[in-house]
Amino acid sequence: DEKHQTLNEMLFRFDAVKQAEDKKYVRMN
């Protein structure tokens, strides 16, 4: 269970990185 918890935290971070791929934050008037 302890290793699964660490793995889940790692996957959460990987997903955050993957979601940001090829994305741009745009601001405009």
All heavy atoms as atom14 arrays in JSON, in Angstrom:
{
  "sequence": "DEKHQTLNEMLFRFDAVKQAEDKKYVRMN",
  "atom14_mask": [
    [1, 1, 1, 1, 1, 1, 1, 1, 0, 0, 0, 0, 0, 0],
    [1, 1, 1, 1, 1, 1, 1, 1, 1, 0, 0, 0, 0, 0],
    [1, 1, 1, 1, 1, 1, 1, 1, 1, 0, 0, 0, 0, 0],
    [1, 1, 1, 1, 1, 1, 1, 1, 1, 1, 0, 0, 0, 0],
    [1, 1, 1, 1, 1, 1, 1, 1, 1, 0, 0, 0, 0, 0],
    [1, 1, 1, 1, 1, 1, 1, 0, 0, 0, 0, 0, 0, 0],
    [1, 1, 1, 1, 1, 1, 1, 1, 0, 0, 0, 0, 0, 0],
    [1, 1, 1, 1, 1, 1, 1, 1, 0, 0, 0, 0, 0, 0],
    [1, 1, 1, 1, 1, 1, 1, 1, 1, 0, 0, 0, 0, 0],
    [1, 1, 1, 1, 1, 1, 1, 1, 0, 0, 0, 0, 0, 0],
    [1, 1, 1, 1, 1, 1, 1, 1, 0, 0, 0, 0, 0, 0],
    [1, 1, 1, 1, 1, 1, 1, 1, 1, 1, 1, 0, 0, 0],
    [1, 1, 1, 1, 1, 1, 1, 1, 1, 1, 1, 0, 0, 0],
    [1, 1, 1, 1, 1, 1, 1, 1, 1, 1, 1, 0, 0, 0],
    [1, 1, 1, 1, 1, 1, 1, 1, 0, 0, 0, 0, 0, 0],
    [1, 1, 1, 1, 1, 0, 0, 0, 0, 0, 0, 0, 0, 0],
    [1, 1, 1, 1, 1, 1, 1, 0, 0, 0, 0, 0, 0, 0],
    [1, 1, 1, 1, 1, 1, 1, 1, 1, 0, 0, 0, 0, 0],
    [1, 1, 1, 1, 1, 1, 1, 1, 1, 0, 0, 0, 0, 0],
    [1, 1, 1, 1, 1, 0, 0, 0, 0, 0, 0, 0, 0, 0],
    [1, 1, 1, 1, 1, 1, 1, 1, 1, 0, 0, 0, 0, 0],
    [1, 1, 1, 1, 1, 1, 1, 1, 0, 0, 0, 0, 0, 0],
    [1, 1, 1, 1, 1, 1, 1, 1, 1, 0, 0, 0, 0, 0],
    [1, 1, 1, 1, 1, 1, 1, 1, 1, 0, 0, 0, 0, 0],
    [1, 1, 1, 1, 1, 1, 1, 1, 1, 1, 1, 1, 0, 0],
    [1, 1, 1, 1, 1, 1, 1, 0, 0, 0, 0, 0, 0, 0],
    [1, 1, 1, 1, 1, 1, 1, 1, 1, 1, 1, 0, 0, 0],
    [1, 1, 1, 1, 1, 1, 1, 1, 0, 0, 0, 0, 0, 0],
    [1, 1, 1, 1, 1, 1, 1, 1, 0, 0, 0, 0, 0, 0]
  ],
  "atom14_positions": [
    [[0.82, -1.22, 0.0], [0.0, 0.0, 0.0], [0.84, 1.26, 0.0], [0.51, 2.25, -0.68], [-0.94, 0.0, 1.21], [-2.05, -1.04, 1.1], [-2.29, -1.51, -0.03], [-2.66, -1.37, 2.13], [0.0, 0.0, 0.0], [0.0, 0.0, 0.0], [0.0, 0.0, 0.0], [0.0, 0.0, 0.0], [0.0, 0.0, 0.0], [0.0, 0.0, 0.0]],
    [[1.93, 1.25, 0.75], [2.78, 2.44, 0.83], [3.38, 2.76, -0.54], [3.42, 3.93, -0.97], [3.9, 2.21, 1.84], [4.81, 3.42, 2.02], [5.9, 3.18, 3.06], [5.85, 2.14, 3.73], [6.81, 4.04, 3.17], [0.0, 0.0, 0.0], [0.0, 0.0, 0.0], [0.0, 0.0, 0.0], [0.0, 0.0, 0.0], [0.0, 0.0, 0.0]],
    [[3.82, 1.73, -1.25], [4.39, 1.94, -2.58], [3.32, 2.39, -3.57], [3.59, 3.21, -4.45], [5.09, 0.68, -3.07], [6.37, 0.38, -2.3], [7.05, -0.89, -2.78], [8.35, -1.1, -2.0], [9.06, -2.34, -2.44], [0.0, 0.0, 0.0], [0.0, 0.0, 0.0], [0.0, 0.0, 0.0], [0.0, 0.0, 0.0], [0.0, 0.0, 0.0]],
    [[2.12, 1.86, -3.42], [1.01, 2.3, -4.29], [0.71, 3.78, -4.07], [0.4, 4.51, -5.02], [-0.23, 1.45, -4.03], [-0.33, 0.24, -4.9], [-0.5, 0.31, -6.27], [-0.26, -1.08, -4.6], [-0.55, -0.9, -6.78], [-0.39, -1.77, -5.79], [0.0, 0.0, 0.0], [0.0, 0.0, 0.0], [0.0, 0.0, 0.0], [0.0, 0.0, 0.0]],
    [[0.77, 4.24, -2.81], [0.52, 5.65, -2.53], [1.57, 6.53, -3.2], [1.25, 7.58, -3.78], [0.51, 5.89, -1.02], [-0.71, 5.3, -0.32], [-0.67, 5.5, 1.19], [0.24, 6.14, 1.71], [-1.64, 4.95, 1.9], [0.0, 0.0, 0.0], [0.0, 0.0, 0.0], [0.0, 0.0, 0.0], [0.0, 0.0, 0.0], [0.0, 0.0, 0.0]],
    [[2.83, 6.11, -3.12], [3.91, 6.86, -3.78], [3.72, 6.86, -5.28], [3.89, 7.88, -5.95], [5.27, 6.26, -3.41], [5.43, 6.24, -2.0], [6.4, 7.06, -4.04], [0.0, 0.0, 0.0], [0.0, 0.0, 0.0], [0.0, 0.0, 0.0], [0.0, 0.0, 0.0], [0.0, 0.0, 0.0], [0.0, 0.0, 0.0], [0.0, 0.0, 0.0]],
    [[3.34, 5.7, -5.82], [3.1, 5.58, -7.27], [1.97, 6.51, -7.7], [2.06, 7.18, -8.74], [2.77, 4.13, -7.62], [2.34, 3.87, -9.08], [3.44, 4.28, -10.05], [1.97, 2.4, -9.27], [0.0, 0.0, 0.0], [0.0, 0.0, 0.0], [0.0, 0.0, 0.0], [0.0, 0.0, 0.0], [0.0, 0.0, 0.0], [0.0, 0.0, 0.0]],
    [[0.89, 6.55, -6.92], [-0.24, 7.41, -7.28], [0.15, 8.88, -7.29], [-0.31, 9.65, -8.15], [-1.4, 7.17, -6.3], [-2.08, 5.83, -6.52], [-2.0, 5.25, -7.6], [-2.75, 5.32, -5.5], [0.0, 0.0, 0.0], [0.0, 0.0, 0.0], [0.0, 0.0, 0.0], [0.0, 0.0, 0.0], [0.0, 0.0, 0.0], [0.0, 0.0, 0.0]],
    [[1.0, 9.29, -6.34], [1.48, 10.67, -6.32], [2.34, 10.95, -7.56], [2.22, 12.02, -8.18], [2.29, 10.93, -5.05], [3.01, 12.28, -5.01], [2.07, 13.48, -5.08], [0.89, 13.33, -4.68], [2.52, 14.55, -5.53], [0.0, 0.0, 0.0], [0.0, 0.0, 0.0], [0.0, 0.0, 0.0], [0.0, 0.0, 0.0], [0.0, 0.0, 0.0]],
    [[3.17, 10.0, -7.94], [3.98, 10.16, -9.14], [3.11, 10.26, -10.39], [3.33, 11.12, -11.25], [4.95, 8.98, -9.28], [5.79, 9.02, -10.56], [6.8, 7.55, -10.75], [8.04, 7.88, -9.52], [0.0, 0.0, 0.0], [0.0, 0.0, 0.0], [0.0, 0.0, 0.0], [0.0, 0.0, 0.0], [0.0, 0.0, 0.0], [0.0, 0.0, 0.0]],
    [[2.1, 9.41, -10.5], [1.19, 9.44, -11.65], [0.42, 10.75, -11.73], [0.17, 11.28, -12.81], [0.22, 8.26, -11.59], [0.82, 6.87, -11.8], [-0.22, 5.79, -11.56], [1.41, 6.74, -13.2], [0.0, 0.0, 0.0], [0.0, 0.0, 0.0], [0.0, 0.0, 0.0], [0.0, 0.0, 0.0], [0.0, 0.0, 0.0], [0.0, 0.0, 0.0]],
    [[0.04, 11.28, -10.57], [-0.64, 12.57, -10.51], [0.24, 13.67, -11.1], [-0.2, 14.5, -11.89], [-1.02, 12.9, -9.06], [-1.54, 14.29, -8.85], [-2.82, 14.63, -9.26], [-0.74, 15.26, -8.26], [-3.31, 15.92, -9.07], [-1.21, 16.55, -8.07], [-2.5, 16.88, -8.48], [0.0, 0.0, 0.0], [0.0, 0.0, 0.0], [0.0, 0.0, 0.0]],
    [[1.51, 13.64, -10.75], [2.45, 14.64, -11.27], [2.68, 14.43, -12.77], [2.74, 15.4, -13.54], [3.78, 14.56, -10.51], [3.68, 14.91, -9.04], [5.07, 15.04, -8.43], [5.01, 15.26, -7.0], [6.05, 15.64, -6.26], [7.24, 15.85, -6.85], [5.94, 15.81, -4.97], [0.0, 0.0, 0.0], [0.0, 0.0, 0.0], [0.0, 0.0, 0.0]],
    [[2.84, 13.17, -13.18], [3.03, 12.88, -14.6], [1.85, 13.38, -15.42], [2.01, 13.93, -16.51], [3.2, 11.38, -14.83], [4.54, 10.83, -14.42], [4.8, 9.47, -14.53], [5.54, 11.66, -13.94], [6.04, 8.95, -14.17], [6.78, 11.15, -13.57], [7.02, 9.78, -13.68], [0.0, 0.0, 0.0], [0.0, 0.0, 0.0], [0.0, 0.0, 0.0]],
    [[0.64, 13.18, -14.89], [-0.55, 13.6, -15.61], [-0.61, 15.12, -15.75], [-1.0, 15.65, -16.79], [-1.81, 13.09, -14.88], [-3.08, 13.36, -15.66], [-3.18, 12.88, -16.81], [-3.97, 14.06, -15.15], [0.0, 0.0, 0.0], [0.0, 0.0, 0.0], [0.0, 0.0, 0.0], [0.0, 0.0, 0.0], [0.0, 0.0, 0.0], [0.0, 0.0, 0.0]],
    [[-0.19, 15.82, -14.69], [-0.17, 17.29, -14.74], [0.79, 17.78, -15.82], [0.51, 18.75, -16.53], [0.22, 17.85, -13.38], [0.0, 0.0, 0.0], [0.0, 0.0, 0.0], [0.0, 0.0, 0.0], [0.0, 0.0, 0.0], [0.0, 0.0, 0.0], [0.0, 0.0, 0.0], [0.0, 0.0, 0.0], [0.0, 0.0, 0.0], [0.0, 0.0, 0.0]],
    [[1.93, 17.11, -15.95], [2.9, 17.46, -16.99], [2.33, 17.16, -18.37], [2.43, 17.97, -19.3], [4.22, 16.68, -16.77], [5.16, 16.88, -17.96], [4.9, 17.13, -15.49], [0.0, 0.0, 0.0], [0.0, 0.0, 0.0], [0.0, 0.0, 0.0], [0.0, 0.0, 0.0], [0.0, 0.0, 0.0], [0.0, 0.0, 0.0], [0.0, 0.0, 0.0]],
    [[1.71, 15.99, -18.51], [1.17, 15.57, -19.81], [0.03, 16.48, -20.26], [-0.09, 16.81, -21.44], [0.69, 14.12, -19.72], [0.33, 13.52, -21.07], [0.01, 12.03, -20.94], [-0.29, 11.43, -22.29], [-0.57, 9.97, -22.19], [0.0, 0.0, 0.0], [0.0, 0.0, 0.0], [0.0, 0.0, 0.0], [0.0, 0.0, 0.0], [0.0, 0.0, 0.0]],
    [[-0.82, 16.9, -19.33], [-1.94, 17.77, -19.67], [-1.47, 19.12, -20.21], [-2.17, 19.76, -21.01], [-2.83, 18.0, -18.44], [-3.6, 16.77, -17.99], [-4.66, 16.34, -18.98], [-5.12, 17.11, -19.82], [-5.07, 15.08, -18.89], [0.0, 0.0, 0.0], [0.0, 0.0, 0.0], [0.0, 0.0, 0.0], [0.0, 0.0, 0.0], [0.0, 0.0, 0.0]],
    [[-0.29, 19.53, -19.78], [0.22, 20.84, -20.2], [0.93, 20.8, -21.55], [1.24, 21.85, -22.12], [1.18, 21.38, -19.14], [0.0, 0.0, 0.0], [0.0, 0.0, 0.0], [0.0, 0.0, 0.0], [0.0, 0.0, 0.0], [0.0, 0.0, 0.0], [0.0, 0.0, 0.0], [0.0, 0.0, 0.0], [0.0, 0.0, 0.0], [0.0, 0.0, 0.0]],
    [[1.16, 19.6, -22.09], [1.89, 19.49, -23.35], [1.12, 20.19, -24.48], [-0.08, 20.0, -24.64], [2.1, 18.02, -23.72], [3.14, 17.32, -22.84], [3.29, 15.86, -23.2], [2.53, 15.38, -24.08], [4.15, 15.2, -22.61], [0.0, 0.0, 0.0], [0.0, 0.0, 0.0], [0.0, 0.0, 0.0], [0.0, 0.0, 0.0], [0.0, 0.0, 0.0]],
    [[1.85, 20.96, -25.26], [1.3, 21.65, -26.44], [0.13, 22.57, -26.09], [-0.78, 22.78, -26.9], [0.84, 20.63, -27.49], [1.99, 19.78, -27.99], [3.09, 20.33, -28.14], [1.8, 18.58, -28.22], [0.0, 0.0, 0.0], [0.0, 0.0, 0.0], [0.0, 0.0, 0.0], [0.0, 0.0, 0.0], [0.0, 0.0, 0.0], [0.0, 0.0, 0.0]],
    [[0.13, 23.12, -24.87], [-0.9, 24.06, -24.46], [-0.28, 25.44, -24.23], [0.86, 25.56, -23.79], [-1.58, 23.6, -23.16], [-2.3, 22.26, -23.26], [-3.55, 22.35, -24.1], [-4.45, 21.14, -23.92], [-3.79, 19.85, -24.12], [0.0, 0.0, 0.0], [0.0, 0.0, 0.0], [0.0, 0.0, 0.0], [0.0, 0.0, 0.0], [0.0, 0.0, 0.0]],
    [[-1.03, 26.49, -24.54], [-0.6, 27.86, -24.33], [-1.64, 28.61, -23.5], [-2.85, 28.44, -23.71], [-0.41, 28.58, -25.68], [0.55, 27.89, -26.64], [1.97, 27.92, -26.13], [2.92, 27.28, -27.15], [4.31, 27.2, -26.61], [0.0, 0.0, 0.0], [0.0, 0.0, 0.0], [0.0, 0.0, 0.0], [0.0, 0.0, 0.0], [0.0, 0.0, 0.0]],
    [[-1.14, 29.42, -22.57], [-2.03, 30.28, -21.79], [-2.09, 31.64, -22.5], [-1.06, 32.26, -22.76], [-1.51, 30.45, -20.37], [-2.47, 31.17, -19.46], [-3.63, 30.54, -19.01], [-2.24, 32.48, -19.04], [-4.52, 31.2, -18.18], [-3.13, 33.14, -18.21], [-4.27, 32.49, -17.79], [-5.15, 33.14, -16.97], [0.0, 0.0, 0.0], [0.0, 0.0, 0.0]],
    [[-3.3, 32.05, -22.85], [-3.48, 33.25, -23.68], [-4.3, 34.29, -22.93], [-5.36, 33.99, -22.38], [-4.19, 32.89, -25.01], [-4.37, 34.13, -25.88], [-3.4, 31.83, -25.76], [0.0, 0.0, 0.0], [0.0, 0.0, 0.0], [0.0, 0.0, 0.0], [0.0, 0.0, 0.0], [0.0, 0.0, 0.0], [0.0, 0.0, 0.0], [0.0, 0.0, 0.0]],
    [[-3.79, 35.53, -22.92], [-4.51, 36.67, -22.35], [-4.64, 37.74, -23.42], [-3.71, 37.96, -24.2], [-3.74, 37.23, -21.15], [-3.77, 36.33, -19.92], [-2.79, 36.79, -18.87], [-1.43, 36.39, -19.21], [-0.37, 36.62, -18.44], [-0.52, 37.28, -17.31], [0.83, 36.21, -18.81], [0.0, 0.0, 0.0], [0.0, 0.0, 0.0], [0.0, 0.0, 0.0]],
    [[-5.79, 38.39, -23.45], [-6.02, 39.41, -24.48], [-7.0, 40.46, -23.97], [-7.8, 40.19, -23.05], [-6.57, 38.75, -25.74], [-8.02, 38.28, -25.61], [-8.5, 37.06, -26.83], [-7.85, 35.56, -26.07], [0.0, 0.0, 0.0], [0.0, 0.0, 0.0], [0.0, 0.0, 0.0], [0.0, 0.0, 0.0], [0.0, 0.0, 0.0], [0.0, 0.0, 0.0]],
    [[-6.94, 41.62, -24.56], [-7.95, 42.64, -24.33], [-9.0, 42.52, -25.43], [-8.66, 42.44, -26.62], [-7.33, 44.04, -24.35], [-6.4, 44.25, -23.17], [-6.56, 43.64, -22.12], [-5.41, 45.11, -23.35], [0.0, 0.0, 0.0], [0.0, 0.0, 0.0], [0.0, 0.0, 0.0], [0.0, 0.0, 0.0], [0.0, 0.0, 0.0], [0.0, 0.0, 0.0]]
  ]
}
